[in-house]
Amino acid sequence: MNILPESRAKFYAVQISLAFGHLHKNSIIYRDLKLENVMLAQDGYIQITDFGMARFIGKDELAKSICGTK
């Protein structure tokens, strides 16, 4: 059984947090975070994929729809 070391899990968690911070800063709502949409590149960093449900939110605009994978 392969066990993911805690330090590596923290590394990936920080990468995901930074990615979502970047999206938020650019007014993008991702709306479909799941394991299948997080890929591991050859360099060891994660890549977020499948922006089909992502949405740009303009200034003073609210997202009122409910969507995502259940």
PDB file of N, CA and C in Angstrom:
ATOM      1  N   MET A   1       0.844  -1.176   0.000  1.00  0.00           N
ATOM      2  CA  MET A   1       0.000   0.000   0.000  1.00  0.00           C
ATOM      3  C   MET A   1       0.892   1.242   0.000  1.00  0.00           C
ATOM      4  N   ASN A   2       0.621   2.167  -0.912  1.00  0.00           N
ATOM      5  CA  ASN A   2       1.349   3.439  -0.950  1.00  0.00           C
ATOM      6  C   ASN A   2       0.607   4.466  -0.105  1.00  0.00           C
ATOM      7  N   ILE A   3       1.324   5.083   0.792  1.00  0.00           N
ATOM      8  CA  ILE A   3       0.736   6.101   1.660  1.00  0.00           C
ATOM      9  C   ILE A   3       1.361   7.441   1.290  1.00  0.00           C
ATOM     10  N   LEU A   4       0.514   8.426   1.084  1.00  0.00           N
ATOM     11  CA  LEU A   4       0.972   9.772   0.753  1.00  0.00           C
ATOM     12  C   LEU A   4       1.489  10.448   2.020  1.00  0.00           C
ATOM     13  N   PRO A   5       2.749  10.848   2.023  1.00  0.00           N
ATOM     14  CA  PRO A   5       3.288  11.523   3.212  1.00  0.00           C
ATOM     15  C   PRO A   5       2.543  12.829   3.487  1.00  0.00           C
ATOM     16  N   GLU A   6       2.415  13.179   4.756  1.00  0.00           N
ATOM     17  CA  GLU A   6       1.695  14.393   5.140  1.00  0.00           C
ATOM     18  C   GLU A   6       2.298  15.633   4.479  1.00  0.00           C
ATOM     19  N   SER A   7       3.609  15.684   4.366  1.00  0.00           N
ATOM     20  CA  SER A   7       4.258  16.847   3.752  1.00  0.00           C
ATOM     21  C   SER A   7       3.851  17.005   2.293  1.00  0.00           C
ATOM     22  N   ARG A   8       3.697  15.896   1.584  1.00  0.00           N
ATOM     23  CA  ARG A   8       3.282  15.944   0.171  1.00  0.00           C
ATOM     24  C   ARG A   8       1.817  16.357   0.064  1.00  0.00           C
ATOM     25  N   ALA A   9       0.980  15.861   0.967  1.00  0.00           N
ATOM     26  CA  ALA A   9      -0.437  16.250   0.977  1.00  0.00           C
ATOM     27  C   ALA A   9      -0.581  17.747   1.227  1.00  0.00           C
ATOM     28  N   LYS A  10       0.215  18.277   2.150  1.00  0.00           N
ATOM     29  CA  LYS A  10       0.196  19.720   2.425  1.00  0.00           C
ATOM     30  C   LYS A  10       0.648  20.504   1.200  1.00  0.00           C
ATOM     31  N   PHE A  11       1.651  20.005   0.506  1.00  0.00           N
ATOM     32  CA  PHE A  11       2.165  20.641  -0.713  1.00  0.00           C
ATOM     33  C   PHE A  11       1.052  20.760  -1.752  1.00  0.00           C
ATOM     34  N   TYR A  12       0.302  19.689  -1.963  1.00  0.00           N
ATOM     35  CA  TYR A  12      -0.795  19.718  -2.932  1.00  0.00           C
ATOM     36  C   TYR A  12      -1.938  20.621  -2.462  1.00  0.00           C
ATOM     37  N   ALA A  13      -2.240  20.591  -1.178  1.00  0.00           N
ATOM     38  CA  ALA A  13      -3.310  21.435  -0.635  1.00  0.00           C
ATOM     39  C   ALA A  13      -2.973  22.920  -0.824  1.00  0.00           C
ATOM     40  N   VAL A  14      -1.723  23.280  -0.594  1.00  0.00           N
ATOM     41  CA  VAL A  14      -1.303  24.670  -0.790  1.00  0.00           C
ATOM     42  C   VAL A  14      -1.409  25.057  -2.258  1.00  0.00           C
ATOM     43  N   GLN A  15      -1.030  24.164  -3.149  1.00  0.00           N
ATOM     44  CA  GLN A  15      -1.128  24.458  -4.576  1.00  0.00           C
ATOM     45  C   GLN A  15      -2.575  24.703  -4.992  1.00  0.00           C
ATOM     46  N   ILE A  16      -3.481  23.878  -4.501  1.00  0.00           N
ATOM     47  CA  ILE A  16      -4.899  24.055  -4.825  1.00  0.00           C
ATOM     48  C   ILE A  16      -5.402  25.377  -4.257  1.00  0.00           C
ATOM     49  N   SER A  17      -5.013  25.693  -3.041  1.00  0.00           N
ATOM     50  CA  SER A  17      -5.414  26.968  -2.429  1.00  0.00           C
ATOM     51  C   SER A  17      -4.892  28.159  -3.224  1.00  0.00           C
ATOM     52  N   LEU A  18      -3.651  28.101  -3.656  1.00  0.00           N
ATOM     53  CA  LEU A  18      -3.083  29.180  -4.455  1.00  0.00           C
ATOM     54  C   LEU A  18      -3.789  29.314  -5.801  1.00  0.00           C
ATOM     55  N   ALA A  19      -4.118  28.177  -6.411  1.00  0.00           N
ATOM     56  CA  ALA A  19      -4.818  28.206  -7.699  1.00  0.00           C
ATOM     57  C   ALA A  19      -6.186  28.865  -7.553  1.00  0.00           C
ATOM     58  N   PHE A  20      -6.909  28.506  -6.506  1.00  0.00           N
ATOM     59  CA  PHE A  20      -8.234  29.098  -6.305  1.00  0.00           C
ATOM     60  C   PHE A  20      -8.131  30.562  -5.881  1.00  0.00           C
ATOM     61  N   GLY A  21      -7.084  30.927  -5.175  1.00  0.00           N
ATOM     62  CA  GLY A  21      -6.853  32.331  -4.861  1.00  0.00           C
ATOM     63  C   GLY A  21      -6.631  33.136  -6.126  1.00  0.00           C
ATOM     64  N   HIS A  22      -5.879  32.586  -7.064  1.00  0.00           N
ATOM     65  CA  HIS A  22      -5.629  33.247  -8.343  1.00  0.00           C
ATOM     66  C   HIS A  22      -6.926  33.401  -9.139  1.00  0.00           C
ATOM     67  N   LEU A  23      -7.728  32.338  -9.180  1.00  0.00           N
ATOM     68  CA  LEU A  23      -9.015  32.418  -9.881  1.00  0.00           C
ATOM     69  C   LEU A  23      -9.907  33.478  -9.240  1.00  0.00           C
ATOM     70  N   HIS A  24      -9.973  33.473  -7.914  1.00  0.00           N
ATOM     71  CA  HIS A  24     -10.805  34.438  -7.188  1.00  0.00           C
ATOM     72  C   HIS A  24     -10.352  35.875  -7.476  1.00  0.00           C
ATOM     73  N   LYS A  25      -9.045  36.076  -7.479  1.00  0.00           N
ATOM     74  CA  LYS A  25      -8.496  37.400  -7.749  1.00  0.00           C
ATOM     75  C   LYS A  25      -8.879  37.883  -9.155  1.00  0.00           C
ATOM     76  N   ASN A  26      -9.083  36.936 -10.064  1.00  0.00           N
ATOM     77  CA  ASN A  26      -9.452  37.259 -11.444  1.00  0.00           C
ATOM     78  C   ASN A  26     -10.946  37.093 -11.705  1.00  0.00           C
ATOM     79  N   SER A  27     -11.734  37.064 -10.645  1.00  0.00           N
ATOM     80  CA  SER A  27     -13.209  37.017 -10.711  1.00  0.00           C
ATOM     81  C   SER A  27     -13.745  35.786 -11.433  1.00  0.00           C
ATOM     82  N   ILE A  28     -13.105  34.653 -11.220  1.00  0.00           N
ATOM     83  CA  ILE A  28     -13.551  33.400 -11.836  1.00  0.00           C
ATOM     84  C   ILE A  28     -14.018  32.448 -10.751  1.00  0.00           C
ATOM     85  N   ILE A  29     -15.215  31.908 -10.939  1.00  0.00           N
ATOM     86  CA  ILE A  29     -15.749  30.873 -10.046  1.00  0.00           C
ATOM     87  C   ILE A  29     -15.544  29.540 -10.757  1.00  0.00           C
ATOM     88  N   TYR A  30     -14.896  28.600 -10.121  1.00  0.00           N
ATOM     89  CA  TYR A  30     -14.569  27.317 -10.761  1.00  0.00           C
ATOM     90  C   TYR A  30     -15.752  26.348 -10.751  1.00  0.00           C
ATOM     91  N   ARG A  31     -16.363  26.074  -9.656  1.00  0.00           N
ATOM     92  CA  ARG A  31     -17.598  25.315  -9.472  1.00  0.00           C
ATOM     93  C   ARG A  31     -17.555  23.812  -9.769  1.00  0.00           C
ATOM     94  N   ASP A  32     -16.412  23.198  -9.915  1.00  0.00           N
ATOM     95  CA  ASP A  32     -16.406  21.752 -10.171  1.00  0.00           C
ATOM     96  C   ASP A  32     -15.143  21.077  -9.629  1.00  0.00           C
ATOM     97  N   LEU A  33     -14.756  21.429  -8.415  1.00  0.00           N
ATOM     98  CA  LEU A  33     -13.563  20.809  -7.836  1.00  0.00           C
ATOM     99  C   LEU A  33     -13.884  19.391  -7.382  1.00  0.00           C
ATOM    100  N   LYS A  34     -13.153  18.463  -7.933  1.00  0.00           N
ATOM    101  CA  LYS A  34     -13.234  17.049  -7.546  1.00  0.00           C
ATOM    102  C   LYS A  34     -11.912  16.401  -7.927  1.00  0.00           C
ATOM    103  N   LEU A  35     -11.650  15.255  -7.392  1.00  0.00           N
ATOM    104  CA  LEU A  35     -10.382  14.578  -7.607  1.00  0.00           C
ATOM    105  C   LEU A  35     -10.075  14.368  -9.090  1.00  0.00           C
ATOM    106  N   GLU A  36     -11.087  14.062  -9.876  1.00  0.00           N
ATOM    107  CA  GLU A  36     -10.891  13.798 -11.298  1.00  0.00           C
ATOM    108  C   GLU A  36     -10.417  15.029 -12.064  1.00  0.00           C
ATOM    109  N   ASN A  37     -10.601  16.232 -11.503  1.00  0.00           N
ATOM    110  CA  ASN A  37     -10.221  17.461 -12.186  1.00  0.00           C
ATOM    111  C   ASN A  37      -8.905  18.045 -11.673  1.00  0.00           C
ATOM    112  N   VAL A  38      -8.207  17.289 -10.857  1.00  0.00           N
ATOM    113  CA  VAL A  38      -6.893  17.700 -10.372  1.00  0.00           C
ATOM    114  C   VAL A  38      -5.879  16.689 -10.899  1.00  0.00           C
ATOM    115  N   MET A  39      -5.001  17.173 -11.767  1.00  0.00           N
ATOM    116  CA  MET A  39      -3.998  16.307 -12.391  1.00  0.00           C
ATOM    117  C   MET A  39      -2.622  16.611 -11.818  1.00  0.00           C
ATOM    118  N   LEU A  40      -1.756  15.640 -11.880  1.00  0.00           N
ATOM    119  CA  LEU A  40      -0.385  15.804 -11.422  1.00  0.00           C
ATOM    120  C   LEU A  40       0.518  15.836 -12.651  1.00  0.00           C
ATOM    121  N   ALA A  41       1.203  16.949 -12.859  1.00  0.00           N
ATOM    122  CA  ALA A  41       2.099  17.109 -14.006  1.00  0.00           C
ATOM    123  C   ALA A  41       3.411  16.380 -13.751  1.00  0.00           C
ATOM    124  N   GLN A  42       4.199  16.203 -14.793  1.00  0.00           N
ATOM    125  CA  GLN A  42       5.475  15.506 -14.663  1.00  0.00           C
ATOM    126  C   GLN A  42       6.444  16.221 -13.732  1.00  0.00           C
ATOM    127  N   ASP A  43       6.285  17.543 -13.583  1.00  0.00           N
ATOM    128  CA  ASP A  43       7.185  18.294 -12.708  1.00  0.00           C
ATOM    129  C   ASP A  43       6.779  18.221 -11.239  1.00  0.00           C
ATOM    130  N   GLY A  44       5.687  17.499 -10.931  1.00  0.00           N
ATOM    131  CA  GLY A  44       5.263  17.312  -9.551  1.00  0.00           C
ATOM    132  C   GLY A  44       4.254  18.325  -9.052  1.00  0.00           C
ATOM    133  N   TYR A  45       3.887  19.278  -9.894  1.00  0.00           N
ATOM    134  CA  TYR A  45       2.893  20.278  -9.513  1.00  0.00           C
ATOM    135  C   TYR A  45       1.528  19.879 -10.054  1.00  0.00           C
ATOM    136  N   ILE A  46       0.476  20.371  -9.406  1.00  0.00           N
ATOM    137  CA  ILE A  46      -0.875  20.031  -9.832  1.00  0.00           C
ATOM    138  C   ILE A  46      -1.331  20.946 -10.959  1.00  0.00           C
ATOM    139  N   GLN A  47      -2.317  20.458 -11.695  1.00  0.00           N
ATOM    140  CA  GLN A  47      -2.984  21.257 -12.715  1.00  0.00           C
ATOM    141  C   GLN A  47      -4.483  21.056 -12.534  1.00  0.00           C
ATOM    142  N   ILE A  48      -5.218  22.149 -12.510  1.00  0.00           N
ATOM    143  CA  ILE A  48      -6.672  22.094 -12.412  1.00  0.00           C
ATOM    144  C   ILE A  48      -7.203  22.019 -13.843  1.00  0.00           C
ATOM    145  N   THR A  49      -8.099  21.076 -14.109  1.00  0.00           N
ATOM    146  CA  THR A  49      -8.641  20.900 -15.454  1.00  0.00           C
ATOM    147  C   THR A  49     -10.158  21.065 -15.452  1.00  0.00           C
ATOM    148  N   ASP A  50     -10.739  21.027 -16.617  1.00  0.00           N
ATOM    149  CA  ASP A  50     -12.188  21.053 -16.838  1.00  0.00           C
ATOM    150  C   ASP A  50     -12.837  22.331 -16.304  1.00  0.00           C
ATOM    151  N   PHE A  51     -12.695  23.387 -17.067  1.00  0.00           N
ATOM    152  CA  PHE A  51     -13.289  24.668 -16.715  1.00  0.00           C
ATOM    153  C   PHE A  51     -14.650  24.858 -17.374  1.00  0.00           C
ATOM    154  N   GLY A  52     -15.308  23.759 -17.745  1.00  0.00           N
ATOM    155  CA  GLY A  52     -16.604  23.828 -18.411  1.00  0.00           C
ATOM    156  C   GLY A  52     -17.686  24.500 -17.584  1.00  0.00           C
ATOM    157  N   MET A  53     -17.631  24.396 -16.286  1.00  0.00           N
ATOM    158  CA  MET A  53     -18.639  25.020 -15.414  1.00  0.00           C
ATOM    159  C   MET A  53     -18.144  26.325 -14.804  1.00  0.00           C
ATOM    160  N   ALA A  54     -16.915  26.709 -15.130  1.00  0.00           N
ATOM    161  CA  ALA A  54     -16.359  27.947 -14.579  1.00  0.00           C
ATOM    162  C   ALA A  54     -17.130  29.146 -15.114  1.00  0.00           C
ATOM    163  N   ARG A  55     -17.107  30.207 -14.324  1.00  0.00           N
ATOM    164  CA  ARG A  55     -17.856  31.403 -14.715  1.00  0.00           C
ATOM    165  C   ARG A  55     -17.105  32.646 -14.268  1.00  0.00           C
ATOM    166  N   PHE A  56     -17.065  33.631 -15.168  1.00  0.00           N
ATOM    167  CA  PHE A  56     -16.517  34.934 -14.841  1.00  0.00           C
ATOM    168  C   PHE A  56     -17.618  35.758 -14.195  1.00  0.00           C
ATOM    169  N   ILE A  57     -17.320  36.365 -13.069  1.00  0.00           N
ATOM    170  CA  ILE A  57     -18.292  37.194 -12.363  1.00  0.00           C
ATOM    171  C   ILE A  57     -17.821  38.644 -12.436  1.00  0.00           C
ATOM    172  N   GLY A  58     -18.636  39.471 -13.059  1.00  0.00           N
ATOM    173  CA  GLY A  58     -18.308  40.882 -13.160  1.00  0.00           C
ATOM    174  C   GLY A  58     -18.497  41.605 -11.840  1.00  0.00           C
ATOM    175  N   LYS A  59     -18.015  42.837 -11.794  1.00  0.00           N
ATOM    176  CA  LYS A  59     -18.126  43.642 -10.584  1.00  0.00           C
ATOM    177  C   LYS A  59     -19.593  43.841 -10.221  1.00  0.00           C
ATOM    178  N   ASP A  60     -19.923  43.681  -8.952  1.00  0.00           N
ATOM    179  CA  ASP A  60     -21.288  43.834  -8.425  1.00  0.00           C
ATOM    180  C   ASP A  60     -22.259  42.791  -8.962  1.00  0.00           C
ATOM    181  N   GLU A  61     -21.763  41.703  -9.517  1.00  0.00           N
ATOM    182  CA  GLU A  61     -22.603  40.624 -10.028  1.00  0.00           C
ATOM    183  C   GLU A  61     -22.596  39.471  -9.030  1.00  0.00           C
ATOM    184  N   LEU A  62     -23.716  38.789  -8.883  1.00  0.00           N
ATOM    185  CA  LEU A  62     -23.807  37.634  -7.982  1.00  0.00           C
ATOM    186  C   LEU A  62     -24.021  36.370  -8.805  1.00  0.00           C
ATOM    187  N   ALA A  63     -23.442  35.273  -8.341  1.00  0.00           N
ATOM    188  CA  ALA A  63     -23.697  33.977  -8.961  1.00  0.00           C
ATOM    189  C   ALA A  63     -24.881  33.359  -8.244  1.00  0.00           C
ATOM    190  N   LYS A  64     -25.950  33.130  -8.955  1.00  0.00           N
ATOM    191  CA  LYS A  64     -27.173  32.618  -8.313  1.00  0.00           C
ATOM    192  C   LYS A  64     -27.510  31.186  -8.721  1.00  0.00           C
ATOM    193  N   SER A  65     -26.805  30.647  -9.709  1.00  0.00           N
ATOM    194  CA  SER A  65     -27.101  29.293 -10.161  1.00  0.00           C
ATOM    195  C   SER A  65     -26.399  28.269  -9.257  1.00  0.00           C
ATOM    196  N   ILE A  66     -26.967  27.098  -9.210  1.00  0.00           N
ATOM    197  CA  ILE A  66     -26.391  25.988  -8.452  1.00  0.00           C
ATOM    198  C   ILE A  66     -25.981  24.928  -9.472  1.00  0.00           C
ATOM    199  N   CYS A  67     -24.725  24.549  -9.463  1.00  0.00           N
ATOM    200  CA  CYS A  67     -24.273  23.538 -10.403  1.00  0.00           C
ATOM    201  C   CYS A  67     -23.053  22.838  -9.830  1.00  0.00           C
ATOM    202  N   GLY A  68     -22.610  21.815 -10.533  1.00  0.00           N
ATOM    203  CA  GLY A  68     -21.460  21.035 -10.112  1.00  0.00           C
ATOM    204  C   GLY A  68     -21.777  19.564 -10.164  1.00  0.00           C
ATOM    205  N   THR A  69     -20.803  18.759  -9.854  1.00  0.00           N
ATOM    206  CA  THR A  69     -20.974  17.314  -9.855  1.00  0.00           C
ATOM    207  C   THR A  69     -21.414  16.873  -8.480  1.00  0.00           C
ATOM    208  N   LYS A  70     -22.407  16.007  -8.427  1.00  0.00           N
ATOM    209  CA  LYS A  70     -22.888  15.489  -7.146  1.00  0.00           C
ATOM    210  C   LYS A  70     -22.233  14.184  -6.818  1.00  0.00           C
TER     211      LYS A  70
END
